[in-house]
């Protein structure tokens, strides 16, 4: 690590530490609404209107009328206008947290945004959904059913975390071989969708920030936030968090066998039990699902 990078790393760490102390003071007095004002947050970089249309169009058709905020970078004026016309706010990603891949630093930006709402005495959300955007499709309002303090979502039970070459490599790089062996039999939790109360969401973001800040330098520059996410989920550090089975509120279909996914004549995506999940994630991994959505 060069001197300039060391200084940048130190500055970012100190800046975040100072900011989070302010957040801790603010949280002592804040009262979050319990109902009526959810918020959806995502990140969109280098996407065009076509790539974002399934998410945007399906969300608005689902009946969800609440706030949506995208952190964006390298979007055309036409794509931004498309988002604006569908009531989606855009925030240009600030030039900070340079030592991290954006898939890792997005959690810092989300926390900064929520901290800003609290500090400015703005209207606060009751609940928050953090979600990927390119491969997420809505079949109903994601807040249709009662939302717990914090909900994490499991993928298909096979492969296990240690059997997946991607997830195992992320855990290994962040935490080493011994931790990977300890976690290898756990079912994968996807970091692409997490929902909860605003207080639960902030607690999750604070934990993720701490974990991402402590991983090796070479890991910070790789898109591996799902490693720390699974470490957090399976270490049960967040009391009151629910670990939801696949095909409930969220149907993450990447590893789901094609035979266990049903598409009705009307284009509805169903699980093997016939359940219609409000959120379908990784829809582009199965040709029949992709065709139905398109």
C-alpha atoms as a PDB file:
ATOM      1  CA  UNK A   1       0.000   0.000   0.000  1.00  0.00           C
ATOM      2  CA  UNK A   2       1.411   3.351  -1.065  1.00  0.00           C
ATOM      3  CA  UNK A   3       1.507   6.425   1.171  1.00  0.00           C
ATOM      4  CA  UNK A   4      -1.342   8.126  -0.693  1.00  0.00           C
ATOM      5  CA  UNK A   5      -3.570   5.086  -0.315  1.00  0.00           C
ATOM      6  CA  UNK A   6      -2.698   4.805   3.383  1.00  0.00           C
ATOM      7  CA  UNK A   7      -3.665   8.444   3.929  1.00  0.00           C
ATOM      8  CA  UNK A   8      -6.916   7.978   2.007  1.00  0.00           C
ATOM      9  CA  UNK A   9      -7.752   4.876   4.020  1.00  0.00           C
ATOM     10  CA  UNK A  10      -7.036   6.637   7.313  1.00  0.00           C
ATOM     11  CA  UNK A  11      -9.065   9.699   6.294  1.00  0.00           C
ATOM     12  CA  UNK A  12     -12.061   7.626   5.275  1.00  0.00           C
ATOM     13  CA  UNK A  13     -11.919   5.596   8.469  1.00  0.00           C
ATOM     14  CA  UNK A  14     -11.720   8.686  10.673  1.00  0.00           C
ATOM     15  CA  UNK A  15     -14.462  10.447   8.713  1.00  0.00           C
ATOM     16  CA  UNK A  16     -16.813   7.498   9.046  1.00  0.00           C
ATOM     17  CA  UNK A  17     -15.983   7.109  12.735  1.00  0.00           C
ATOM     18  CA  UNK A  18     -16.812  10.765  13.391  1.00  0.00           C
ATOM     19  CA  UNK A  19     -20.003  10.549  11.378  1.00  0.00           C
ATOM     20  CA  UNK A  20     -21.159   7.402  13.147  1.00  0.00           C
ATOM     21  CA  UNK A  21     -20.585   8.994  16.537  1.00  0.00           C
ATOM     22  CA  UNK A  22     -22.966  11.717  15.414  1.00  0.00           C
ATOM     23  CA  UNK A  23     -25.426   9.053  14.287  1.00  0.00           C
ATOM     24  CA  UNK A  24     -25.204   7.342  17.666  1.00  0.00           C
ATOM     25  CA  UNK A  25     -26.112  10.624  19.364  1.00  0.00           C
ATOM     26  CA  UNK A  26     -29.004  11.222  16.961  1.00  0.00           C
ATOM     27  CA  UNK A  27     -30.418   7.726  17.449  1.00  0.00           C
ATOM     28  CA  UNK A  28     -30.837   8.339  21.178  1.00  0.00           C
ATOM     29  CA  UNK A  29     -33.678  10.744  20.478  1.00  0.00           C
ATOM     30  CA  UNK A  30     -35.161   9.646  17.161  1.00  0.00           C
ATOM     31  CA  UNK A  31     -38.559   7.974  16.956  1.00  0.00           C
ATOM     32  CA  UNK A  32     -39.151   5.943  13.799  1.00  0.00           C
ATOM     33  CA  UNK A  33     -42.701   5.666  12.470  1.00  0.00           C
ATOM     34  CA  UNK A  34     -44.060   2.150  12.740  1.00  0.00           C
ATOM     35  CA  UNK A  35     -46.314   2.183   9.686  1.00  0.00           C
ATOM     36  CA  UNK A  36     -47.091   3.928   6.454  1.00  0.00           C
ATOM     37  CA  UNK A  37     -43.845   5.228   4.980  1.00  0.00           C
ATOM     38  CA  UNK A  38     -41.512   2.556   3.560  1.00  0.00           C
ATOM     39  CA  UNK A  39     -38.419   3.188   1.453  1.00  0.00           C
ATOM     40  CA  UNK A  40     -36.720   1.086  -1.228  1.00  0.00           C
ATOM     41  CA  UNK A  41     -32.996   1.640  -1.861  1.00  0.00           C
ATOM     42  CA  UNK A  42     -30.868   0.298  -4.720  1.00  0.00           C
ATOM     43  CA  UNK A  43     -27.782   1.046  -6.797  1.00  0.00           C
ATOM     44  CA  UNK A  44     -27.746   1.457 -10.590  1.00  0.00           C
ATOM     45  CA  UNK A  45     -24.451   1.875 -12.433  1.00  0.00           C
ATOM     46  CA  UNK A  46     -23.961   1.752 -16.213  1.00  0.00           C
ATOM     47  CA  UNK A  47     -27.529   0.569 -16.795  1.00  0.00           C
ATOM     48  CA  UNK A  48     -29.819   1.757 -19.551  1.00  0.00           C
ATOM     49  CA  UNK A  49     -33.595   2.062 -19.533  1.00  0.00           C
ATOM     50  CA  UNK A  50     -34.072  -1.410 -20.963  1.00  0.00           C
ATOM     51  CA  UNK A  51     -32.109  -3.018 -18.140  1.00  0.00           C
ATOM     52  CA  UNK A  52     -34.092  -1.167 -15.463  1.00  0.00           C
ATOM     53  CA  UNK A  53     -37.555  -1.559 -17.023  1.00  0.00           C
ATOM     54  CA  UNK A  54     -38.468  -4.932 -15.409  1.00  0.00           C
ATOM     55  CA  UNK A  55     -37.735  -3.591 -11.913  1.00  0.00           C
ATOM     56  CA  UNK A  56     -39.353  -0.195 -12.375  1.00  0.00           C
ATOM     57  CA  UNK A  57     -42.442  -1.244 -14.309  1.00  0.00           C
ATOM     58  CA  UNK A  58     -43.226  -4.270 -12.164  1.00  0.00           C
ATOM     59  CA  UNK A  59     -42.735  -2.299  -8.941  1.00  0.00           C
ATOM     60  CA  UNK A  60     -45.193   0.399  -9.959  1.00  0.00           C
ATOM     61  CA  UNK A  61     -47.688  -2.202 -11.187  1.00  0.00           C
ATOM     62  CA  UNK A  62     -47.412  -4.023  -7.861  1.00  0.00           C
ATOM     63  CA  UNK A  63     -49.277  -1.262  -6.069  1.00  0.00           C
ATOM     64  CA  UNK A  64     -46.255   0.028  -4.180  1.00  0.00           C
ATOM     65  CA  UNK A  65     -46.540   3.806  -4.114  1.00  0.00           C
ATOM     66  CA  UNK A  66     -43.797   4.647  -1.625  1.00  0.00           C
ATOM     67  CA  UNK A  67     -40.378   6.184  -2.022  1.00  0.00           C
ATOM     68  CA  UNK A  68     -37.636   4.625  -4.113  1.00  0.00           C
ATOM     69  CA  UNK A  69     -34.066   5.945  -4.131  1.00  0.00           C
ATOM     70  CA  UNK A  70     -31.397   4.764  -6.571  1.00  0.00           C
ATOM     71  CA  UNK A  71     -27.741   5.618  -6.092  1.00  0.00           C
ATOM     72  CA  UNK A  72     -26.573   6.065  -9.658  1.00  0.00           C
ATOM     73  CA  UNK A  73     -23.489   6.502 -11.789  1.00  0.00           C
ATOM     74  CA  UNK A  74     -23.009   6.682 -15.563  1.00  0.00           C
ATOM     75  CA  UNK A  75     -26.693   6.791 -16.478  1.00  0.00           C
ATOM     76  CA  UNK A  76     -27.823   8.626 -19.597  1.00  0.00           C
ATOM     77  CA  UNK A  77     -30.151  11.613 -19.352  1.00  0.00           C
ATOM     78  CA  UNK A  78     -32.852   9.490 -20.992  1.00  0.00           C
ATOM     79  CA  UNK A  79     -32.488   6.766 -18.363  1.00  0.00           C
ATOM     80  CA  UNK A  80     -32.635   9.320 -15.560  1.00  0.00           C
ATOM     81  CA  UNK A  81     -35.778  10.792 -17.097  1.00  0.00           C
ATOM     82  CA  UNK A  82     -37.308   7.312 -17.246  1.00  0.00           C
ATOM     83  CA  UNK A  83     -36.631   6.858 -13.534  1.00  0.00           C
ATOM     84  CA  UNK A  84     -37.940  10.340 -12.713  1.00  0.00           C
ATOM     85  CA  UNK A  85     -41.145   9.772 -14.668  1.00  0.00           C
ATOM     86  CA  UNK A  86     -41.735   6.661 -12.562  1.00  0.00           C
ATOM     87  CA  UNK A  87     -41.217   8.483  -9.292  1.00  0.00           C
ATOM     88  CA  UNK A  88     -37.764   7.148  -8.551  1.00  0.00           C
ATOM     89  CA  UNK A  89     -35.311   9.548  -6.940  1.00  0.00           C
ATOM     90  CA  UNK A  90     -31.693   9.404  -8.062  1.00  0.00           C
ATOM     91  CA  UNK A  91     -28.625  10.298  -6.021  1.00  0.00           C
ATOM     92  CA  UNK A  92     -25.299  10.581  -7.804  1.00  0.00           C
ATOM     93  CA  UNK A  93     -22.767   8.403  -6.032  1.00  0.00           C
ATOM     94  CA  UNK A  94     -20.297  10.760  -4.349  1.00  0.00           C
ATOM     95  CA  UNK A  95     -16.594  10.454  -5.009  1.00  0.00           C
ATOM     96  CA  UNK A  96     -15.710   8.820  -1.718  1.00  0.00           C
ATOM     97  CA  UNK A  97     -14.874   5.382  -0.373  1.00  0.00           C
ATOM     98  CA  UNK A  98     -12.501   4.891  -3.311  1.00  0.00           C
ATOM     99  CA  UNK A  99     -10.764   1.953  -1.672  1.00  0.00           C
ATOM    100  CA  UNK A 100     -13.903  -0.161  -1.955  1.00  0.00           C
ATOM    101  CA  UNK A 101     -15.688  -1.771  -4.861  1.00  0.00           C
ATOM    102  CA  UNK A 102     -19.073  -0.073  -5.261  1.00  0.00           C
ATOM    103  CA  UNK A 103     -20.870  -3.317  -4.379  1.00  0.00           C
ATOM    104  CA  UNK A 104     -19.194  -3.039  -0.985  1.00  0.00           C
ATOM    105  CA  UNK A 105     -19.372   0.725  -0.502  1.00  0.00           C
ATOM    106  CA  UNK A 106     -23.066   0.918  -1.439  1.00  0.00           C
ATOM    107  CA  UNK A 107     -23.828   0.003   2.167  1.00  0.00           C
ATOM    108  CA  UNK A 108     -21.868   3.049   3.354  1.00  0.00           C
ATOM    109  CA  UNK A 109     -23.856   5.283   0.983  1.00  0.00           C
ATOM    110  CA  UNK A 110     -27.158   3.871   2.206  1.00  0.00           C
ATOM    111  CA  UNK A 111     -26.146   4.530   5.810  1.00  0.00           C
ATOM    112  CA  UNK A 112     -24.967   8.051   4.962  1.00  0.00           C
ATOM    113  CA  UNK A 113     -28.327   8.735   3.318  1.00  0.00           C
ATOM    114  CA  UNK A 114     -30.378   7.516   6.279  1.00  0.00           C
ATOM    115  CA  UNK A 115     -28.123   9.418   8.667  1.00  0.00           C
ATOM    116  CA  UNK A 116     -28.727  12.540   6.589  1.00  0.00           C
ATOM    117  CA  UNK A 117     -32.489  12.120   6.872  1.00  0.00           C
ATOM    118  CA  UNK A 118     -32.217  11.827  10.642  1.00  0.00           C
ATOM    119  CA  UNK A 119     -29.834  14.777  10.960  1.00  0.00           C
ATOM    120  CA  UNK A 120     -32.028  17.040   8.818  1.00  0.00           C
ATOM    121  CA  UNK A 121     -35.185  16.116  10.737  1.00  0.00           C
ATOM    122  CA  UNK A 122     -36.758  14.896   7.485  1.00  0.00           C
ATOM    123  CA  UNK A 123     -39.667  12.479   7.294  1.00  0.00           C
ATOM    124  CA  UNK A 124     -38.284   9.067   8.177  1.00  0.00           C
ATOM    125  CA  UNK A 125     -39.286   5.744   6.649  1.00  0.00           C
ATOM    126  CA  UNK A 126     -40.976   3.106   8.752  1.00  0.00           C
ATOM    127  CA  UNK A 127     -39.328   0.231   6.862  1.00  0.00           C
ATOM    128  CA  UNK A 128     -36.538  -0.192   4.326  1.00  0.00           C
ATOM    129  CA  UNK A 129     -35.898  -2.665   1.522  1.00  0.00           C
ATOM    130  CA  UNK A 130     -32.320  -2.887   0.227  1.00  0.00           C
ATOM    131  CA  UNK A 131     -32.389  -4.534  -3.178  1.00  0.00           C
ATOM    132  CA  UNK A 132     -30.496  -5.254  -6.355  1.00  0.00           C
ATOM    133  CA  UNK A 133     -32.143  -3.676  -9.370  1.00  0.00           C
ATOM    134  CA  UNK A 134     -31.093  -5.335 -12.644  1.00  0.00           C
ATOM    135  CA  UNK A 135     -32.432  -8.817 -11.879  1.00  0.00           C
ATOM    136  CA  UNK A 136     -35.313  -8.101  -9.501  1.00  0.00           C
ATOM    137  CA  UNK A 137     -38.983  -8.345 -10.504  1.00  0.00           C
ATOM    138  CA  UNK A 138     -42.054  -7.579  -8.388  1.00  0.00           C
ATOM    139  CA  UNK A 139     -45.261  -9.598  -8.415  1.00  0.00           C
ATOM    140  CA  UNK A 140     -46.823  -7.744  -5.509  1.00  0.00           C
ATOM    141  CA  UNK A 141     -46.109  -4.941  -3.082  1.00  0.00           C
ATOM    142  CA  UNK A 142     -42.936  -6.071  -1.244  1.00  0.00           C
ATOM    143  CA  UNK A 143     -44.389  -4.643   1.978  1.00  0.00           C
ATOM    144  CA  UNK A 144     -47.690  -6.479   1.476  1.00  0.00           C
ATOM    145  CA  UNK A 145     -47.143  -8.733   4.488  1.00  0.00           C
ATOM    146  CA  UNK A 146     -46.053  -7.548   7.903  1.00  0.00           C
ATOM    147  CA  UNK A 147     -42.304  -6.842   7.985  1.00  0.00           C
ATOM    148  CA  UNK A 148     -40.216  -7.981  10.926  1.00  0.00           C
ATOM    149  CA  UNK A 149     -37.438  -6.102  12.689  1.00  0.00           C
ATOM    150  CA  UNK A 150     -34.983  -7.428  10.105  1.00  0.00           C
ATOM    151  CA  UNK A 151     -35.387 -10.170   7.506  1.00  0.00           C
ATOM    152  CA  UNK A 152     -32.604 -11.989   5.638  1.00  0.00           C
ATOM    153  CA  UNK A 153     -33.415 -14.320   2.754  1.00  0.00           C
ATOM    154  CA  UNK A 154     -31.975 -17.732   2.023  1.00  0.00           C
ATOM    155  CA  UNK A 155     -31.354 -19.100  -1.452  1.00  0.00           C
ATOM    156  CA  UNK A 156     -32.036 -22.691  -2.539  1.00  0.00           C
ATOM    157  CA  UNK A 157     -30.669 -25.176   0.003  1.00  0.00           C
ATOM    158  CA  UNK A 158     -28.244 -26.657  -2.557  1.00  0.00           C
ATOM    159  CA  UNK A 159     -25.419 -25.849  -2.964  1.00  0.00           C
ATOM    160  CA  UNK A 160     -24.399 -25.032   0.568  1.00  0.00           C
ATOM    161  CA  UNK A 161     -22.169 -22.044   1.182  1.00  0.00           C
ATOM    162  CA  UNK A 162     -18.976 -24.112   1.120  1.00  0.00           C
ATOM    163  CA  UNK A 163     -20.004 -25.886  -2.095  1.00  0.00           C
ATOM    164  CA  UNK A 164     -20.548 -22.708  -4.105  1.00  0.00           C
ATOM    165  CA  UNK A 165     -17.307 -21.619  -5.746  1.00  0.00           C
ATOM    166  CA  UNK A 166     -18.287 -17.948  -5.586  1.00  0.00           C
ATOM    167  CA  UNK A 167     -19.509 -17.734  -1.999  1.00  0.00           C
ATOM    168  CA  UNK A 168     -16.734 -19.979  -0.686  1.00  0.00           C
ATOM    169  CA  UNK A 169     -14.093 -17.818  -2.380  1.00  0.00           C
ATOM    170  CA  UNK A 170     -15.573 -14.658  -0.853  1.00  0.00           C
ATOM    171  CA  UNK A 171     -15.602 -16.129   2.653  1.00  0.00           C
ATOM    172  CA  UNK A 172     -12.075 -17.503   2.217  1.00  0.00           C
ATOM    173  CA  UNK A 173     -10.681 -14.175   1.034  1.00  0.00           C
ATOM    174  CA  UNK A 174     -12.373 -12.208   3.806  1.00  0.00           C
ATOM    175  CA  UNK A 175     -12.008 -14.570   6.757  1.00  0.00           C
ATOM    176  CA  UNK A 176      -9.738 -17.465   5.873  1.00  0.00           C
ATOM    177  CA  UNK A 177     -10.027 -21.219   5.443  1.00  0.00           C
ATOM    178  CA  UNK A 178     -10.939 -22.014   9.056  1.00  0.00           C
ATOM    179  CA  UNK A 179     -13.995 -19.742   9.044  1.00  0.00           C
ATOM    180  CA  UNK A 180     -15.029 -21.149   5.685  1.00  0.00           C
ATOM    181  CA  UNK A 181     -14.957 -24.685   7.099  1.00  0.00           C
ATOM    182  CA  UNK A 182     -17.092 -23.586  10.039  1.00  0.00           C
ATOM    183  CA  UNK A 183     -19.663 -21.989   7.726  1.00  0.00           C
ATOM    184  CA  UNK A 184     -19.524 -24.464   4.860  1.00  0.00           C
ATOM    185  CA  UNK A 185     -22.765 -26.321   5.688  1.00  0.00           C
ATOM    186  CA  UNK A 186     -24.890 -23.183   5.992  1.00  0.00           C
ATOM    187  CA  UNK A 187     -27.452 -22.309   3.347  1.00  0.00           C
ATOM    188  CA  UNK A 188     -26.463 -19.248   1.325  1.00  0.00           C
ATOM    189  CA  UNK A 189     -28.150 -15.982   2.221  1.00  0.00           C
ATOM    190  CA  UNK A 190     -28.355 -13.498  -0.638  1.00  0.00           C
ATOM    191  CA  UNK A 191     -27.214  -9.948   0.074  1.00  0.00           C
ATOM    192  CA  UNK A 192     -29.278  -8.742  -2.895  1.00  0.00           C
ATOM    193  CA  UNK A 193     -32.471  -8.401  -0.841  1.00  0.00           C
ATOM    194  CA  UNK A 194     -32.810  -7.446   2.830  1.00  0.00           C
ATOM    195  CA  UNK A 195     -35.854  -5.861   4.437  1.00  0.00           C
ATOM    196  CA  UNK A 196     -36.707  -4.610   7.893  1.00  0.00           C
ATOM    197  CA  UNK A 197     -37.760  -1.805  10.151  1.00  0.00           C
ATOM    198  CA  UNK A 198     -35.670   1.324   9.770  1.00  0.00           C
ATOM    199  CA  UNK A 199     -33.989   0.757  13.120  1.00  0.00           C
ATOM    200  CA  UNK A 200     -33.187  -2.825  12.081  1.00  0.00           C
ATOM    201  CA  UNK A 201     -31.901  -1.623   8.707  1.00  0.00           C
ATOM    202  CA  UNK A 202     -29.574   0.879  10.369  1.00  0.00           C
ATOM    203  CA  UNK A 203     -28.272  -1.773  12.762  1.00  0.00           C
ATOM    204  CA  UNK A 204     -27.579  -4.027   9.775  1.00  0.00           C
ATOM    205  CA  UNK A 205     -25.766  -1.237   7.913  1.00  0.00           C
ATOM    206  CA  UNK A 206     -23.603  -0.428  10.917  1.00  0.00           C
ATOM    207  CA  UNK A 207     -22.606  -4.078  11.240  1.00  0.00           C
ATOM    208  CA  UNK A 208     -21.892  -4.357   7.513  1.00  0.00           C
ATOM    209  CA  UNK A 209     -19.765  -1.227   7.610  1.00  0.00           C
ATOM    210  CA  UNK A 210     -17.722  -2.605  10.479  1.00  0.00           C
ATOM    211  CA  UNK A 211     -17.227  -5.952   8.745  1.00  0.00           C
ATOM    212  CA  UNK A 212     -16.325  -4.427   5.370  1.00  0.00           C
ATOM    213  CA  UNK A 213     -13.880  -2.073   7.027  1.00  0.00           C
ATOM    214  CA  UNK A 214     -12.056  -4.985   8.687  1.00  0.00           C
ATOM    215  CA  UNK A 215     -11.599  -7.302   5.679  1.00  0.00           C
ATOM    216  CA  UNK A 216      -8.208  -7.447   3.916  1.00  0.00           C
ATOM    217  CA  UNK A 217      -7.339  -4.579   1.592  1.00  0.00           C
ATOM    218  CA  UNK A 218      -7.394  -6.751  -1.537  1.00  0.00           C
ATOM    219  CA  UNK A 219     -10.900  -7.948  -0.631  1.00  0.00           C
ATOM    220  CA  UNK A 220     -12.255  -4.402  -0.334  1.00  0.00           C
ATOM    221  CA  UNK A 221     -11.697  -3.857  -4.039  1.00  0.00           C
ATOM    222  CA  UNK A 222     -13.676  -6.945  -5.083  1.00  0.00           C
ATOM    223  CA  UNK A 223     -17.456  -7.316  -5.403  1.00  0.00           C
ATOM    224  CA  UNK A 224     -17.842  -9.659  -2.436  1.00  0.00           C
ATOM    225  CA  UNK A 225     -20.197  -7.997   0.033  1.00  0.00           C
ATOM    226  CA  UNK A 226     -22.084 -11.293   0.204  1.00  0.00           C
ATOM    227  CA  UNK A 227     -19.142 -12.749   2.128  1.00  0.00           C
ATOM    228  CA  UNK A 228     -19.459 -10.359   5.081  1.00  0.00           C
ATOM    229  CA  UNK A 229     -23.255 -10.532   4.726  1.00  0.00           C
ATOM    230  CA  UNK A 230     -23.247 -14.310   5.227  1.00  0.00           C
ATOM    231  CA  UNK A 231     -20.706 -14.048   8.038  1.00  0.00           C
ATOM    232  CA  UNK A 232     -23.056 -11.606   9.766  1.00  0.00           C
ATOM    233  CA  UNK A 233     -26.198 -13.641   9.089  1.00  0.00           C
ATOM    234  CA  UNK A 234     -24.841 -16.999  10.229  1.00  0.00           C
ATOM    235  CA  UNK A 235     -23.013 -15.660  13.279  1.00  0.00           C
ATOM    236  CA  UNK A 236     -26.389 -14.456  14.628  1.00  0.00           C
ATOM    237  CA  UNK A 237     -24.962 -11.128  15.713  1.00  0.00           C
ATOM    238  CA  UNK A 238     -28.239  -9.324  15.097  1.00  0.00           C
ATOM    239  CA  UNK A 239     -30.812 -10.304  17.680  1.00  0.00           C
ATOM    240  CA  UNK A 240     -34.357 -10.283  16.428  1.00  0.00           C
ATOM    241  CA  UNK A 241     -33.387 -10.913  12.802  1.00  0.00           C
ATOM    242  CA  UNK A 242     -35.400 -13.479  10.868  1.00  0.00           C
ATOM    243  CA  UNK A 243     -33.704 -15.889   8.478  1.00  0.00           C
ATOM    244  CA  UNK A 244     -36.448 -16.569   5.941  1.00  0.00           C
ATOM    245  CA  UNK A 245     -36.659 -19.682   3.786  1.00  0.00           C
ATOM    246  CA  UNK A 246     -36.575 -19.244   0.026  1.00  0.00           C
ATOM    247  CA  UNK A 247     -39.807 -18.620  -1.920  1.00  0.00           C
ATOM    248  CA  UNK A 248     -41.547 -16.631   0.806  1.00  0.00           C
ATOM    249  CA  UNK A 249     -41.448 -12.848   0.523  1.00  0.00           C
ATOM    250  CA  UNK A 250     -38.488 -13.345  -1.826  1.00  0.00           C
ATOM    251  CA  UNK A 251     -37.965 -16.119  -4.381  1.00  0.00           C
ATOM    252  CA  UNK A 252     -34.245 -16.163  -5.231  1.00  0.00           C
ATOM    253  CA  UNK A 253     -34.149 -18.531  -8.183  1.00  0.00           C
ATOM    254  CA  UNK A 254     -30.515 -18.594  -9.295  1.00  0.00           C
ATOM    255  CA  UNK A 255     -29.781 -22.045  -7.850  1.00  0.00           C
ATOM    256  CA  UNK A 256     -33.389 -23.256  -7.829  1.00  0.00           C
ATOM    257  CA  UNK A 257     -33.847 -26.238 -10.187  1.00  0.00           C
ATOM    258  CA  UNK A 258     -35.834 -25.316 -13.278  1.00  0.00           C
ATOM    259  CA  UNK A 259     -38.345 -28.039 -12.474  1.00  0.00           C
ATOM    260  CA  UNK A 260     -39.165 -26.290  -9.168  1.00  0.00           C
ATOM    261  CA  UNK A 261     -40.141 -23.047 -10.879  1.00  0.00           C
ATOM    262  CA  UNK A 262     -43.562 -22.720 -12.480  1.00  0.00           C
ATOM    263  CA  UNK A 263     -44.755 -20.030 -14.863  1.00  0.00           C
ATOM    264  CA  UNK A 264     -48.529 -19.760 -15.151  1.00  0.00           C
ATOM    265  CA  UNK A 265     -50.350 -19.058 -18.409  1.00  0.00           C
ATOM    266  CA  UNK A 266     -50.639 -15.473 -17.211  1.00  0.00           C
ATOM    267  CA  UNK A 267     -46.893 -15.149 -16.681  1.00  0.00           C
ATOM    268  CA  UNK A 268     -46.925 -15.455 -12.885  1.00  0.00           C
ATOM    269  CA  UNK A 269     -43.784 -17.020 -11.388  1.00  0.00           C
ATOM    270  CA  UNK A 270     -44.621 -19.630  -8.751  1.00  0.00           C
ATOM    271  CA  UNK A 271     -42.638 -21.896  -6.439  1.00  0.00           C
ATOM    272  CA  UNK A 272     -43.065 -25.663  -6.425  1.00  0.00           C
ATOM    273  CA  UNK A 273     -45.712 -25.230  -3.721  1.00  0.00           C
ATOM    274  CA  UNK A 274     -47.633 -22.816  -5.943  1.00  0.00           C
ATOM    275  CA  UNK A 275     -46.766 -19.744  -3.882  1.00  0.00           C
ATOM    276  CA  UNK A 276     -46.526 -16.360  -5.599  1.00  0.00           C
ATOM    277  CA  UNK A 277     -43.659 -14.428  -3.982  1.00  0.00           C
ATOM    278  CA  UNK A 278     -43.877 -10.630  -4.077  1.00  0.00           C
ATOM    279  CA  UNK A 279     -40.199 -10.430  -5.124  1.00  0.00           C
ATOM    280  CA  UNK A 280     -38.464 -12.622  -7.712  1.00  0.00           C
ATOM    281  CA  UNK A 281     -34.676 -12.272  -7.683  1.00  0.00           C
ATOM    282  CA  UNK A 282     -32.142 -13.492 -10.270  1.00  0.00           C
ATOM    283  CA  UNK A 283     -34.904 -13.885 -12.846  1.00  0.00           C
ATOM    284  CA  UNK A 284     -32.409 -13.854 -15.726  1.00  0.00           C
ATOM    285  CA  UNK A 285     -30.912 -17.227 -14.662  1.00  0.00           C
ATOM    286  CA  UNK A 286     -33.833 -19.223 -16.121  1.00  0.00           C
ATOM    287  CA  UNK A 287     -34.885 -18.811 -19.749  1.00  0.00           C
ATOM    288  CA  UNK A 288     -38.588 -19.508 -19.160  1.00  0.00           C
ATOM    289  CA  UNK A 289     -38.773 -16.914 -16.385  1.00  0.00           C
ATOM    290  CA  UNK A 290     -36.891 -14.362 -18.459  1.00  0.00           C
ATOM    291  CA  UNK A 291     -39.259 -14.924 -21.368  1.00  0.00           C
ATOM    292  CA  UNK A 292     -42.300 -14.490 -19.133  1.00  0.00           C
ATOM    293  CA  UNK A 293     -40.993 -11.221 -17.730  1.00  0.00           C
ATOM    294  CA  UNK A 294     -39.947  -9.860 -21.089  1.00  0.00           C
END
